[in-house]
Amino acid sequence: MAEEHRTKQVIRAAARRLFAEHGYNAVSMRDIAQAIGKQPGGIYNHFPTKQSILVDLMQENLTRAHAAVIDPINRSAAPEQQLEAFVRGHVQYHIDNPDDIFIAYMELRSLDPENATQIMAERDRYEVALRAILSAGLRDGGFKLSDPAIHARSILSMLGGVTVWFRETGPQSPSDVAECYVQAALQSVAVPYTAKHER
């Protein structure tokens, strides 16, 4: 069982890299098998189709994103603190997992309709968590915004671009970049931003 798990992880890693480098449609099961030194039959023993690998990668990414971003948020904290935690976690997760994020955004079009519905439903759960934070801030009067659902999408759109331009060799660290996004997110709901070193 442990060996099967290790083999699946190796397949996932190879597929993740190839899908991110070449695109899902340009990669075959044979390509994935060659990347890990196996015959194609060795792949089919673990994943019946290339589509099943893509779905698996997207589901795994969403599970890890929830664990890294949503689960650690202190639900008893003030909405602005929850929003800060969400933004920091989201930006850091995106920076740490650029291939997964690229696949999540670019390969939705490659999913079969049934799989697309399933993945989008799980993505919606992630958005709902941010929407709940915005709604709480609106209810208690701390946030100024017109529609939590639209505002959640606008924040996610803003945050989603970080993997396009961020480079580890750049002048700012991931935490520096996260703070810039925290400031922008707080200002978008009319909450003053205080730099971490000033708190």
N, C-alpha and C. Protein backbone atom coordinates (compact mmCIF):
# COMPACT_ATOMS: atom_id res chain seq x y z
N MET A 1 0.83 -1.20 0.00
CA MET A 1 0.00 0.00 0.00
C MET A 1 0.87 1.25 0.00
N ALA A 2 1.92 1.25 0.81
CA ALA A 2 2.82 2.40 0.85
C ALA A 2 3.52 2.59 -0.48
N GLU A 3 3.87 1.49 -1.12
CA GLU A 3 4.52 1.56 -2.43
C GLU A 3 3.57 2.13 -3.47
N GLU A 4 2.30 1.73 -3.41
CA GLU A 4 1.31 2.25 -4.34
C GLU A 4 1.15 3.76 -4.15
N HIS A 5 1.13 4.19 -2.89
CA HIS A 5 1.01 5.62 -2.60
C HIS A 5 2.21 6.39 -3.15
N ARG A 6 3.41 5.84 -2.95
CA ARG A 6 4.61 6.50 -3.45
C ARG A 6 4.59 6.61 -4.97
N THR A 7 4.14 5.53 -5.63
CA THR A 7 4.09 5.54 -7.09
C THR A 7 3.10 6.58 -7.59
N LYS A 8 1.94 6.68 -6.93
CA LYS A 8 0.96 7.68 -7.33
C LYS A 8 1.52 9.08 -7.15
N GLN A 9 2.28 9.30 -6.09
CA GLN A 9 2.87 10.61 -5.86
C GLN A 9 3.89 10.95 -6.95
N VAL A 10 4.65 9.95 -7.37
CA VAL A 10 5.64 10.16 -8.44
C VAL A 10 4.91 10.50 -9.74
N ILE A 11 3.82 9.80 -10.03
CA ILE A 11 3.04 10.07 -11.24
C ILE A 11 2.47 11.48 -11.18
N ARG A 12 1.91 11.84 -10.03
CA ARG A 12 1.35 13.19 -9.86
C ARG A 12 2.41 14.25 -10.11
N ALA A 13 3.59 14.06 -9.53
CA ALA A 13 4.65 15.05 -9.66
C ALA A 13 5.08 15.23 -11.11
N ALA A 14 5.21 14.11 -11.82
CA ALA A 14 5.61 14.18 -13.22
C ALA A 14 4.52 14.84 -14.07
N ALA A 15 3.28 14.45 -13.84
CA ALA A 15 2.17 15.03 -14.60
C ALA A 15 2.04 16.52 -14.31
N ARG A 16 2.18 16.89 -13.05
CA ARG A 16 2.10 18.31 -12.67
C ARG A 16 3.12 19.13 -13.45
N ARG A 17 4.35 18.65 -13.48
CA ARG A 17 5.42 19.37 -14.16
C ARG A 17 5.16 19.45 -15.66
N LEU A 18 4.77 18.33 -16.25
CA LEU A 18 4.55 18.30 -17.70
C LEU A 18 3.34 19.13 -18.11
N PHE A 19 2.25 19.06 -17.35
CA PHE A 19 1.06 19.86 -17.66
C PHE A 19 1.38 21.35 -17.56
N ALA A 20 2.16 21.72 -16.54
CA ALA A 20 2.51 23.12 -16.35
C ALA A 20 3.45 23.62 -17.45
N GLU A 21 4.37 22.75 -17.89
CA GLU A 21 5.35 23.16 -18.91
C GLU A 21 4.78 23.17 -20.32
N HIS A 22 3.95 22.16 -20.64
CA HIS A 22 3.53 21.97 -22.03
C HIS A 22 2.03 22.13 -22.26
N GLY A 23 1.26 22.11 -21.18
CA GLY A 23 -0.20 22.12 -21.33
C GLY A 23 -0.76 20.72 -21.35
N TYR A 24 -1.93 20.57 -20.80
CA TYR A 24 -2.56 19.25 -20.68
C TYR A 24 -2.71 18.55 -22.02
N ASN A 25 -3.20 19.26 -23.03
CA ASN A 25 -3.50 18.63 -24.31
C ASN A 25 -2.26 18.16 -25.06
N ALA A 26 -1.11 18.75 -24.75
CA ALA A 26 0.13 18.39 -25.44
C ALA A 26 0.86 17.22 -24.77
N VAL A 27 0.35 16.77 -23.64
CA VAL A 27 1.02 15.70 -22.87
C VAL A 27 0.20 14.41 -23.00
N SER A 28 0.89 13.31 -23.27
CA SER A 28 0.23 12.00 -23.36
C SER A 28 0.57 11.16 -22.14
N MET A 29 -0.18 10.09 -21.97
CA MET A 29 0.13 9.15 -20.88
C MET A 29 1.51 8.55 -21.10
N ARG A 30 1.89 8.36 -22.35
CA ARG A 30 3.23 7.84 -22.65
C ARG A 30 4.31 8.82 -22.18
N ASP A 31 4.06 10.12 -22.38
CA ASP A 31 5.01 11.13 -21.91
C ASP A 31 5.20 11.06 -20.40
N ILE A 32 4.09 10.91 -19.69
CA ILE A 32 4.17 10.82 -18.22
C ILE A 32 4.92 9.57 -17.81
N ALA A 33 4.62 8.45 -18.49
CA ALA A 33 5.30 7.20 -18.17
C ALA A 33 6.80 7.31 -18.42
N GLN A 34 7.18 7.90 -19.55
CA GLN A 34 8.61 8.06 -19.86
C GLN A 34 9.30 8.95 -18.84
N ALA A 35 8.60 9.96 -18.34
CA ALA A 35 9.19 10.88 -17.38
C ALA A 35 9.56 10.20 -16.06
N ILE A 36 8.88 9.10 -15.75
CA ILE A 36 9.18 8.40 -14.50
C ILE A 36 9.81 7.03 -14.74
N GLY A 37 10.16 6.77 -16.00
CA GLY A 37 10.85 5.53 -16.32
C GLY A 37 9.99 4.29 -16.28
N LYS A 38 8.71 4.42 -16.62
CA LYS A 38 7.81 3.28 -16.63
C LYS A 38 7.16 3.11 -17.99
N GLN A 39 6.59 1.94 -18.22
CA GLN A 39 5.76 1.71 -19.39
C GLN A 39 4.38 2.33 -19.13
N PRO A 40 3.66 2.73 -20.19
CA PRO A 40 2.33 3.32 -19.99
C PRO A 40 1.40 2.47 -19.12
N GLY A 41 1.54 1.15 -19.24
CA GLY A 41 0.69 0.28 -18.42
C GLY A 41 0.87 0.52 -16.94
N GLY A 42 2.08 0.95 -16.54
CA GLY A 42 2.34 1.24 -15.14
C GLY A 42 1.59 2.46 -14.64
N ILE A 43 1.22 3.34 -15.56
CA ILE A 43 0.41 4.50 -15.21
C ILE A 43 -1.05 4.11 -15.08
N TYR A 44 -1.53 3.32 -16.04
CA TYR A 44 -2.94 2.95 -16.05
C TYR A 44 -3.32 2.11 -14.83
N ASN A 45 -2.36 1.46 -14.20
CA ASN A 45 -2.65 0.72 -12.98
C ASN A 45 -3.09 1.63 -11.84
N HIS A 46 -2.72 2.92 -11.93
CA HIS A 46 -3.02 3.87 -10.86
C HIS A 46 -4.04 4.92 -11.28
N PHE A 47 -4.01 5.31 -12.55
CA PHE A 47 -4.96 6.29 -13.08
C PHE A 47 -5.50 5.76 -14.40
N PRO A 48 -6.81 5.56 -14.52
CA PRO A 48 -7.36 4.95 -15.73
C PRO A 48 -7.26 5.83 -16.97
N THR A 49 -7.22 7.15 -16.78
CA THR A 49 -7.15 8.07 -17.92
C THR A 49 -6.29 9.27 -17.55
N LYS A 50 -5.87 10.01 -18.57
CA LYS A 50 -5.15 11.26 -18.33
C LYS A 50 -6.06 12.26 -17.62
N GLN A 51 -7.34 12.24 -17.97
CA GLN A 51 -8.31 13.13 -17.33
C GLN A 51 -8.37 12.88 -15.82
N SER A 52 -8.28 11.61 -15.43
CA SER A 52 -8.34 11.30 -14.00
C SER A 52 -7.12 11.85 -13.26
N ILE A 53 -5.98 11.93 -13.93
CA ILE A 53 -4.80 12.54 -13.31
C ILE A 53 -5.04 14.03 -13.11
N LEU A 54 -5.58 14.70 -14.13
CA LEU A 54 -5.85 16.14 -14.03
C LEU A 54 -6.83 16.42 -12.90
N VAL A 55 -7.90 15.66 -12.82
CA VAL A 55 -8.88 15.85 -11.75
C VAL A 55 -8.24 15.63 -10.39
N ASP A 56 -7.44 14.59 -10.30
CA ASP A 56 -6.75 14.28 -9.04
C ASP A 56 -5.85 15.44 -8.62
N LEU A 57 -5.09 15.99 -9.56
CA LEU A 57 -4.21 17.11 -9.25
C LEU A 57 -5.00 18.33 -8.79
N MET A 58 -6.11 18.61 -9.44
CA MET A 58 -6.92 19.76 -9.06
C MET A 58 -7.57 19.56 -7.70
N GLN A 59 -8.06 18.36 -7.44
CA GLN A 59 -8.66 18.09 -6.14
C GLN A 59 -7.62 18.17 -5.02
N GLU A 60 -6.45 17.60 -5.28
CA GLU A 60 -5.37 17.65 -4.29
C GLU A 60 -4.98 19.10 -4.00
N ASN A 61 -4.88 19.91 -5.04
CA ASN A 61 -4.53 21.31 -4.87
C ASN A 61 -5.57 22.04 -4.02
N LEU A 62 -6.84 21.80 -4.27
CA LEU A 62 -7.89 22.44 -3.50
C LEU A 62 -7.87 22.00 -2.04
N THR A 63 -7.61 20.73 -1.81
CA THR A 63 -7.53 20.23 -0.44
C THR A 63 -6.38 20.89 0.30
N ARG A 64 -5.22 20.97 -0.35
CA ARG A 64 -4.06 21.61 0.30
C ARG A 64 -4.28 23.09 0.49
N ALA A 65 -4.96 23.74 -0.46
CA ALA A 65 -5.24 25.18 -0.33
C ALA A 65 -6.14 25.44 0.87
N HIS A 66 -7.16 24.62 1.04
CA HIS A 66 -8.04 24.77 2.20
C HIS A 66 -7.24 24.60 3.50
N ALA A 67 -6.40 23.58 3.53
CA ALA A 67 -5.62 23.30 4.74
C ALA A 67 -4.65 24.43 5.06
N ALA A 68 -4.08 25.04 4.01
CA ALA A 68 -3.07 26.07 4.21
C ALA A 68 -3.66 27.45 4.44
N VAL A 69 -4.81 27.72 3.85
CA VAL A 69 -5.37 29.08 3.87
C VAL A 69 -6.60 29.21 4.76
N ILE A 70 -7.57 28.34 4.57
CA ILE A 70 -8.86 28.48 5.26
C ILE A 70 -8.82 27.92 6.68
N ASP A 71 -8.31 26.70 6.83
CA ASP A 71 -8.36 26.04 8.14
C ASP A 71 -7.66 26.81 9.26
N PRO A 72 -6.51 27.47 9.01
CA PRO A 72 -5.84 28.16 10.12
C PRO A 72 -6.50 29.46 10.58
N ILE A 73 -7.47 29.96 9.84
CA ILE A 73 -8.08 31.24 10.20
C ILE A 73 -8.83 31.11 11.52
N ASN A 74 -8.57 32.03 12.42
CA ASN A 74 -9.24 32.06 13.72
C ASN A 74 -10.64 32.65 13.55
N ARG A 75 -11.66 31.81 13.64
CA ARG A 75 -13.03 32.26 13.38
C ARG A 75 -13.54 33.21 14.45
N SER A 76 -12.88 33.27 15.60
CA SER A 76 -13.31 34.19 16.65
C SER A 76 -12.63 35.55 16.55
N ALA A 77 -11.68 35.68 15.63
CA ALA A 77 -10.99 36.95 15.44
C ALA A 77 -11.89 37.94 14.71
N ALA A 78 -11.52 39.21 14.77
CA ALA A 78 -12.28 40.25 14.06
C ALA A 78 -12.19 40.01 12.56
N PRO A 79 -13.22 40.42 11.80
CA PRO A 79 -13.22 40.19 10.36
C PRO A 79 -11.97 40.73 9.65
N GLU A 80 -11.46 41.89 10.07
CA GLU A 80 -10.27 42.42 9.41
C GLU A 80 -9.05 41.53 9.65
N GLN A 81 -8.98 40.91 10.83
CA GLN A 81 -7.88 39.99 11.10
C GLN A 81 -8.04 38.71 10.29
N GLN A 82 -9.26 38.26 10.13
CA GLN A 82 -9.51 37.08 9.31
C GLN A 82 -9.17 37.36 7.84
N LEU A 83 -9.52 38.57 7.39
CA LEU A 83 -9.20 38.93 6.01
C LEU A 83 -7.69 38.97 5.80
N GLU A 84 -6.97 39.55 6.75
CA GLU A 84 -5.51 39.58 6.67
C GLU A 84 -4.95 38.16 6.59
N ALA A 85 -5.44 37.27 7.45
CA ALA A 85 -4.95 35.90 7.48
C ALA A 85 -5.24 35.19 6.16
N PHE A 86 -6.43 35.42 5.62
CA PHE A 86 -6.79 34.80 4.35
C PHE A 86 -5.84 35.27 3.25
N VAL A 87 -5.61 36.57 3.16
CA VAL A 87 -4.78 37.11 2.09
C VAL A 87 -3.34 36.61 2.23
N ARG A 88 -2.79 36.66 3.44
CA ARG A 88 -1.41 36.18 3.62
C ARG A 88 -1.30 34.72 3.24
N GLY A 89 -2.23 33.90 3.72
CA GLY A 89 -2.18 32.48 3.41
C GLY A 89 -2.34 32.20 1.93
N HIS A 90 -3.26 32.91 1.29
CA HIS A 90 -3.52 32.71 -0.13
C HIS A 90 -2.31 33.08 -0.98
N VAL A 91 -1.71 34.22 -0.70
CA VAL A 91 -0.54 34.67 -1.46
C VAL A 91 0.62 33.71 -1.26
N GLN A 92 0.87 33.33 -0.02
CA GLN A 92 1.99 32.43 0.25
C GLN A 92 1.77 31.08 -0.42
N TYR A 93 0.53 30.56 -0.37
CA TYR A 93 0.26 29.27 -1.00
C TYR A 93 0.47 29.35 -2.51
N HIS A 94 0.03 30.44 -3.12
CA HIS A 94 0.22 30.59 -4.57
C HIS A 94 1.70 30.66 -4.93
N ILE A 95 2.46 31.41 -4.15
CA ILE A 95 3.90 31.52 -4.43
C ILE A 95 4.59 30.17 -4.27
N ASP A 96 4.17 29.40 -3.29
CA ASP A 96 4.80 28.10 -3.01
C ASP A 96 4.41 27.02 -4.01
N ASN A 97 3.29 27.21 -4.72
CA ASN A 97 2.77 26.14 -5.60
C ASN A 97 2.41 26.68 -6.98
N PRO A 98 3.36 27.26 -7.69
CA PRO A 98 3.03 27.90 -8.98
C PRO A 98 2.51 26.93 -10.04
N ASP A 99 3.04 25.72 -10.09
CA ASP A 99 2.57 24.77 -11.11
C ASP A 99 1.12 24.38 -10.86
N ASP A 100 0.79 24.11 -9.60
CA ASP A 100 -0.59 23.74 -9.26
C ASP A 100 -1.54 24.88 -9.60
N ILE A 101 -1.13 26.11 -9.30
CA ILE A 101 -1.99 27.26 -9.56
C ILE A 101 -2.17 27.47 -11.06
N PHE A 102 -1.09 27.31 -11.82
CA PHE A 102 -1.19 27.44 -13.28
C PHE A 102 -2.18 26.43 -13.83
N ILE A 103 -2.07 25.19 -13.40
CA ILE A 103 -2.97 24.13 -13.87
C ILE A 103 -4.41 24.43 -13.45
N ALA A 104 -4.58 24.89 -12.22
CA ALA A 104 -5.93 25.16 -11.70
C ALA A 104 -6.64 26.23 -12.53
N TYR A 105 -5.90 27.24 -12.97
CA TYR A 105 -6.52 28.32 -13.74
C TYR A 105 -6.62 27.98 -15.23
N MET A 106 -5.55 27.44 -15.78
CA MET A 106 -5.46 27.29 -17.23
C MET A 106 -6.11 26.02 -17.77
N GLU A 107 -6.24 24.99 -16.93
CA GLU A 107 -6.73 23.72 -17.46
C GLU A 107 -8.16 23.39 -17.07
N LEU A 108 -8.87 24.35 -16.48
CA LEU A 108 -10.30 24.12 -16.26
C LEU A 108 -11.00 23.80 -17.57
N ARG A 109 -10.53 24.44 -18.64
CA ARG A 109 -11.11 24.23 -19.97
C ARG A 109 -10.91 22.81 -20.47
N SER A 110 -9.95 22.09 -19.88
CA SER A 110 -9.64 20.73 -20.33
C SER A 110 -10.45 19.67 -19.59
N LEU A 111 -11.23 20.08 -18.61
CA LEU A 111 -12.03 19.12 -17.85
C LEU A 111 -13.28 18.74 -18.60
N ASP A 112 -13.66 17.47 -18.52
CA ASP A 112 -14.95 17.04 -19.01
C ASP A 112 -16.04 17.76 -18.22
N PRO A 113 -17.23 17.96 -18.79
CA PRO A 113 -18.28 18.73 -18.10
C PRO A 113 -18.57 18.25 -16.68
N GLU A 114 -18.68 16.94 -16.48
CA GLU A 114 -18.99 16.43 -15.14
C GLU A 114 -17.86 16.75 -14.17
N ASN A 115 -16.63 16.57 -14.60
CA ASN A 115 -15.49 16.88 -13.73
C ASN A 115 -15.38 18.37 -13.47
N ALA A 116 -15.68 19.17 -14.49
CA ALA A 116 -15.64 20.62 -14.31
C ALA A 116 -16.64 21.07 -13.26
N THR A 117 -17.82 20.49 -13.29
CA THR A 117 -18.85 20.82 -12.29
C THR A 117 -18.37 20.48 -10.89
N GLN A 118 -17.75 19.33 -10.75
CA GLN A 118 -17.25 18.88 -9.45
C GLN A 118 -16.15 19.81 -8.94
N ILE A 119 -15.19 20.14 -9.78
CA ILE A 119 -14.07 20.99 -9.35
C ILE A 119 -14.56 22.41 -9.05
N MET A 120 -15.47 22.93 -9.88
CA MET A 120 -15.98 24.28 -9.64
C MET A 120 -16.75 24.35 -8.34
N ALA A 121 -17.46 23.28 -7.99
CA ALA A 121 -18.19 23.27 -6.72
C ALA A 121 -17.21 23.35 -5.54
N GLU A 122 -16.08 22.67 -5.65
CA GLU A 122 -15.09 22.72 -4.59
C GLU A 122 -14.38 24.07 -4.55
N ARG A 123 -14.15 24.65 -5.71
CA ARG A 123 -13.57 26.00 -5.76
C ARG A 123 -14.52 27.01 -5.15
N ASP A 124 -15.82 26.81 -5.35
CA ASP A 124 -16.81 27.73 -4.79
C ASP A 124 -16.77 27.71 -3.26
N ARG A 125 -16.47 26.54 -2.68
CA ARG A 125 -16.39 26.46 -1.22
C ARG A 125 -15.26 27.35 -0.69
N TYR A 126 -14.19 27.43 -1.44
CA TYR A 126 -13.06 28.29 -1.07
C TYR A 126 -13.49 29.75 -1.13
N GLU A 127 -14.18 30.12 -2.19
CA GLU A 127 -14.66 31.50 -2.33
C GLU A 127 -15.67 31.84 -1.24
N VAL A 128 -16.51 30.87 -0.88
CA VAL A 128 -17.53 31.10 0.15
C VAL A 128 -16.88 31.48 1.48
N ALA A 129 -15.73 30.89 1.77
CA ALA A 129 -15.03 31.22 3.02
C ALA A 129 -14.64 32.70 3.05
N LEU A 130 -14.14 33.21 1.94
CA LEU A 130 -13.79 34.63 1.87
C LEU A 130 -15.06 35.48 1.92
N ARG A 131 -16.10 35.03 1.23
CA ARG A 131 -17.35 35.78 1.23
C ARG A 131 -17.91 35.90 2.65
N ALA A 132 -17.76 34.85 3.45
CA ALA A 132 -18.26 34.88 4.82
C ALA A 132 -17.52 35.92 5.66
N ILE A 133 -16.21 36.04 5.44
CA ILE A 133 -15.42 37.05 6.15
C ILE A 133 -15.91 38.45 5.77
N LEU A 134 -16.11 38.68 4.49
CA LEU A 134 -16.56 39.99 4.02
C LEU A 134 -17.95 40.30 4.54
N SER A 135 -18.82 39.30 4.56
CA SER A 135 -20.18 39.50 5.05
C SER A 135 -20.17 39.85 6.53
N ALA A 136 -19.30 39.19 7.30
CA ALA A 136 -19.21 39.48 8.73
C ALA A 136 -18.73 40.91 8.96
N GLY A 137 -17.74 41.33 8.18
CA GLY A 137 -17.25 42.69 8.31
C GLY A 137 -18.29 43.73 7.92
N LEU A 138 -19.10 43.40 6.94
CA LEU A 138 -20.17 44.30 6.51
C LEU A 138 -21.24 44.40 7.59
N ARG A 139 -21.59 43.26 8.20
CA ARG A 139 -22.63 43.25 9.23
C ARG A 139 -22.23 44.06 10.45
N ASP A 140 -20.95 43.93 10.86
CA ASP A 140 -20.56 44.66 12.08
C ASP A 140 -20.13 46.10 11.81
N GLY A 141 -20.22 46.52 10.54
CA GLY A 141 -19.95 47.91 10.21
C GLY A 141 -18.50 48.26 10.00
N GLY A 142 -17.61 47.27 10.10
CA GLY A 142 -16.19 47.55 9.93
C GLY A 142 -15.75 47.65 8.49
N PHE A 143 -16.47 46.95 7.59
CA PHE A 143 -16.13 46.95 6.17
C PHE A 143 -17.13 47.81 5.40
N LYS A 144 -16.62 48.48 4.40
CA LYS A 144 -17.49 49.19 3.48
C LYS A 144 -17.35 48.54 2.09
N LEU A 145 -18.43 47.92 1.65
CA LEU A 145 -18.47 47.28 0.34
C LEU A 145 -19.93 47.09 -0.04
N SER A 146 -20.18 46.91 -1.32
CA SER A 146 -21.57 46.84 -1.76
C SER A 146 -22.11 45.41 -1.83
N ASP A 147 -21.28 44.46 -2.24
CA ASP A 147 -21.76 43.09 -2.44
C ASP A 147 -20.65 42.12 -2.09
N PRO A 148 -20.79 41.34 -1.01
CA PRO A 148 -19.72 40.42 -0.59
C PRO A 148 -19.31 39.42 -1.66
N ALA A 149 -20.26 38.93 -2.45
CA ALA A 149 -19.94 37.93 -3.48
C ALA A 149 -19.07 38.54 -4.57
N ILE A 150 -19.46 39.71 -5.04
CA ILE A 150 -18.68 40.37 -6.09
C ILE A 150 -17.33 40.81 -5.54
N HIS A 151 -17.33 41.31 -4.31
CA HIS A 151 -16.08 41.78 -3.73
C HIS A 151 -15.11 40.62 -3.49
N ALA A 152 -15.64 39.47 -3.11
CA ALA A 152 -14.79 38.28 -2.93
C ALA A 152 -14.12 37.91 -4.23
N ARG A 153 -14.88 37.95 -5.32
CA ARG A 153 -14.29 37.62 -6.63
C ARG A 153 -13.26 38.65 -7.05
N SER A 154 -13.49 39.90 -6.73
CA SER A 154 -12.52 40.93 -7.11
C SER A 154 -11.21 40.76 -6.33
N ILE A 155 -11.31 40.41 -5.06
CA ILE A 155 -10.10 40.18 -4.26
C ILE A 155 -9.36 38.95 -4.78
N LEU A 156 -10.09 37.87 -5.07
CA LEU A 156 -9.44 36.66 -5.58
C LEU A 156 -8.78 36.91 -6.93
N SER A 157 -9.41 37.73 -7.76
CA SER A 157 -8.81 38.07 -9.05
C SER A 157 -7.51 38.84 -8.85
N MET A 158 -7.53 39.77 -7.90
CA MET A 158 -6.32 40.54 -7.61
C MET A 158 -5.20 39.63 -7.09
N LEU A 159 -5.54 38.75 -6.17
CA LEU A 159 -4.53 37.88 -5.56
C LEU A 159 -4.01 36.84 -6.53
N GLY A 160 -4.87 36.40 -7.46
CA GLY A 160 -4.50 35.30 -8.34
C GLY A 160 -3.35 35.61 -9.27
N GLY A 161 -3.07 36.88 -9.51
CA GLY A 161 -2.02 37.23 -10.45
C GLY A 161 -0.61 37.12 -9.93
N VAL A 162 -0.45 36.83 -8.63
CA VAL A 162 0.89 36.89 -8.05
C VAL A 162 1.85 35.88 -8.68
N THR A 163 1.34 34.72 -9.08
CA THR A 163 2.25 33.70 -9.64
C THR A 163 2.73 34.08 -11.04
N VAL A 164 2.04 35.02 -11.69
CA VAL A 164 2.43 35.42 -13.04
C VAL A 164 3.74 36.22 -13.01
N TRP A 165 3.88 37.06 -11.99
CA TRP A 165 5.03 37.98 -12.00
C TRP A 165 6.04 37.74 -10.89
N PHE A 166 5.66 37.05 -9.82
CA PHE A 166 6.60 36.91 -8.70
C PHE A 166 7.77 36.00 -9.07
N ARG A 167 8.97 36.44 -8.69
CA ARG A 167 10.18 35.65 -8.86
C ARG A 167 10.96 35.64 -7.55
N GLU A 168 11.45 34.48 -7.18
CA GLU A 168 12.22 34.37 -5.93
C GLU A 168 13.45 35.27 -5.95
N THR A 169 13.96 35.58 -7.13
CA THR A 169 15.16 36.41 -7.25
C THR A 169 14.85 37.90 -7.21
N GLY A 170 13.57 38.25 -7.09
CA GLY A 170 13.18 39.65 -7.08
C GLY A 170 13.56 40.35 -5.78
N PRO A 171 13.32 41.65 -5.72
CA PRO A 171 13.75 42.43 -4.57
C PRO A 171 12.92 42.22 -3.31
N GLN A 172 11.71 41.68 -3.45
CA GLN A 172 10.82 41.51 -2.30
C GLN A 172 10.62 40.04 -1.97
N SER A 173 10.55 39.75 -0.68
CA SER A 173 10.31 38.39 -0.21
C SER A 173 8.82 38.06 -0.34
N PRO A 174 8.47 36.79 -0.25
CA PRO A 174 7.04 36.44 -0.28
C PRO A 174 6.24 37.15 0.80
N SER A 175 6.81 37.29 2.00
CA SER A 175 6.07 37.97 3.06
C SER A 175 5.90 39.46 2.76
N ASP A 176 6.91 40.07 2.12
CA ASP A 176 6.78 41.47 1.70
C ASP A 176 5.64 41.63 0.69
N VAL A 177 5.60 40.71 -0.26
CA VAL A 177 4.56 40.75 -1.28
C VAL A 177 3.19 40.53 -0.64
N ALA A 178 3.11 39.58 0.28
CA ALA A 178 1.84 39.31 0.96
C ALA A 178 1.34 40.56 1.69
N GLU A 179 2.25 41.29 2.32
CA GLU A 179 1.84 42.50 3.03
C GLU A 179 1.29 43.56 2.08
N CYS A 180 1.86 43.67 0.89
CA CYS A 180 1.32 44.60 -0.11
C CYS A 180 -0.12 44.23 -0.48
N TYR A 181 -0.36 42.94 -0.62
CA TYR A 181 -1.70 42.49 -0.95
C TYR A 181 -2.66 42.66 0.23
N VAL A 182 -2.16 42.44 1.45
CA VAL A 182 -2.99 42.67 2.63
C VAL A 182 -3.44 44.12 2.67
N GLN A 183 -2.50 45.03 2.44
CA GLN A 183 -2.83 46.45 2.43
C GLN A 183 -3.90 46.76 1.39
N ALA A 184 -3.73 46.22 0.18
CA ALA A 184 -4.70 46.46 -0.88
C ALA A 184 -6.08 45.89 -0.54
N ALA A 185 -6.10 44.70 0.05
CA ALA A 185 -7.38 44.07 0.40
C ALA A 185 -8.09 44.85 1.49
N LEU A 186 -7.36 45.28 2.51
CA LEU A 186 -7.97 46.07 3.59
C LEU A 186 -8.47 47.41 3.07
N GLN A 187 -7.68 48.05 2.25
CA GLN A 187 -8.09 49.34 1.70
C GLN A 187 -9.32 49.19 0.81
N SER A 188 -9.49 48.02 0.19
CA SER A 188 -10.65 47.80 -0.68
C SER A 188 -11.95 47.75 0.11
N VAL A 189 -11.85 47.47 1.42
CA VAL A 189 -13.05 47.47 2.28
C VAL A 189 -13.03 48.64 3.25
N ALA A 190 -12.17 49.63 2.96
CA ALA A 190 -12.09 50.88 3.76
C ALA A 190 -11.63 50.64 5.19
N VAL A 191 -10.68 49.73 5.36
CA VAL A 191 -10.08 49.48 6.66
C VAL A 191 -8.63 49.97 6.63
N PRO A 192 -8.22 50.83 7.57
CA PRO A 192 -6.83 51.31 7.58
C PRO A 192 -5.85 50.16 7.75
N TYR A 193 -4.75 50.24 7.05
CA TYR A 193 -3.71 49.22 7.16
C TYR A 193 -2.59 49.72 8.05
N THR A 194 -2.16 48.86 8.97
CA THR A 194 -1.01 49.14 9.82
C THR A 194 0.06 48.11 9.51
N ALA A 195 1.23 48.56 9.10
CA ALA A 195 2.31 47.64 8.77
C ALA A 195 2.64 46.75 9.96
N LYS A 196 3.06 45.52 9.68
CA LYS A 196 3.31 44.56 10.76
C LYS A 196 4.30 45.09 11.78
N HIS A 197 5.36 45.77 11.31
CA HIS A 197 6.39 46.22 12.24
C HIS A 197 5.92 47.40 13.11
N GLU A 198 4.74 47.97 12.77
CA GLU A 198 4.23 49.08 13.54
C GLU A 198 3.20 48.64 14.56
N ARG A 199 2.89 47.34 14.56
CA ARG A 199 1.83 46.86 15.47
C ARG A 199 2.39 46.55 16.84
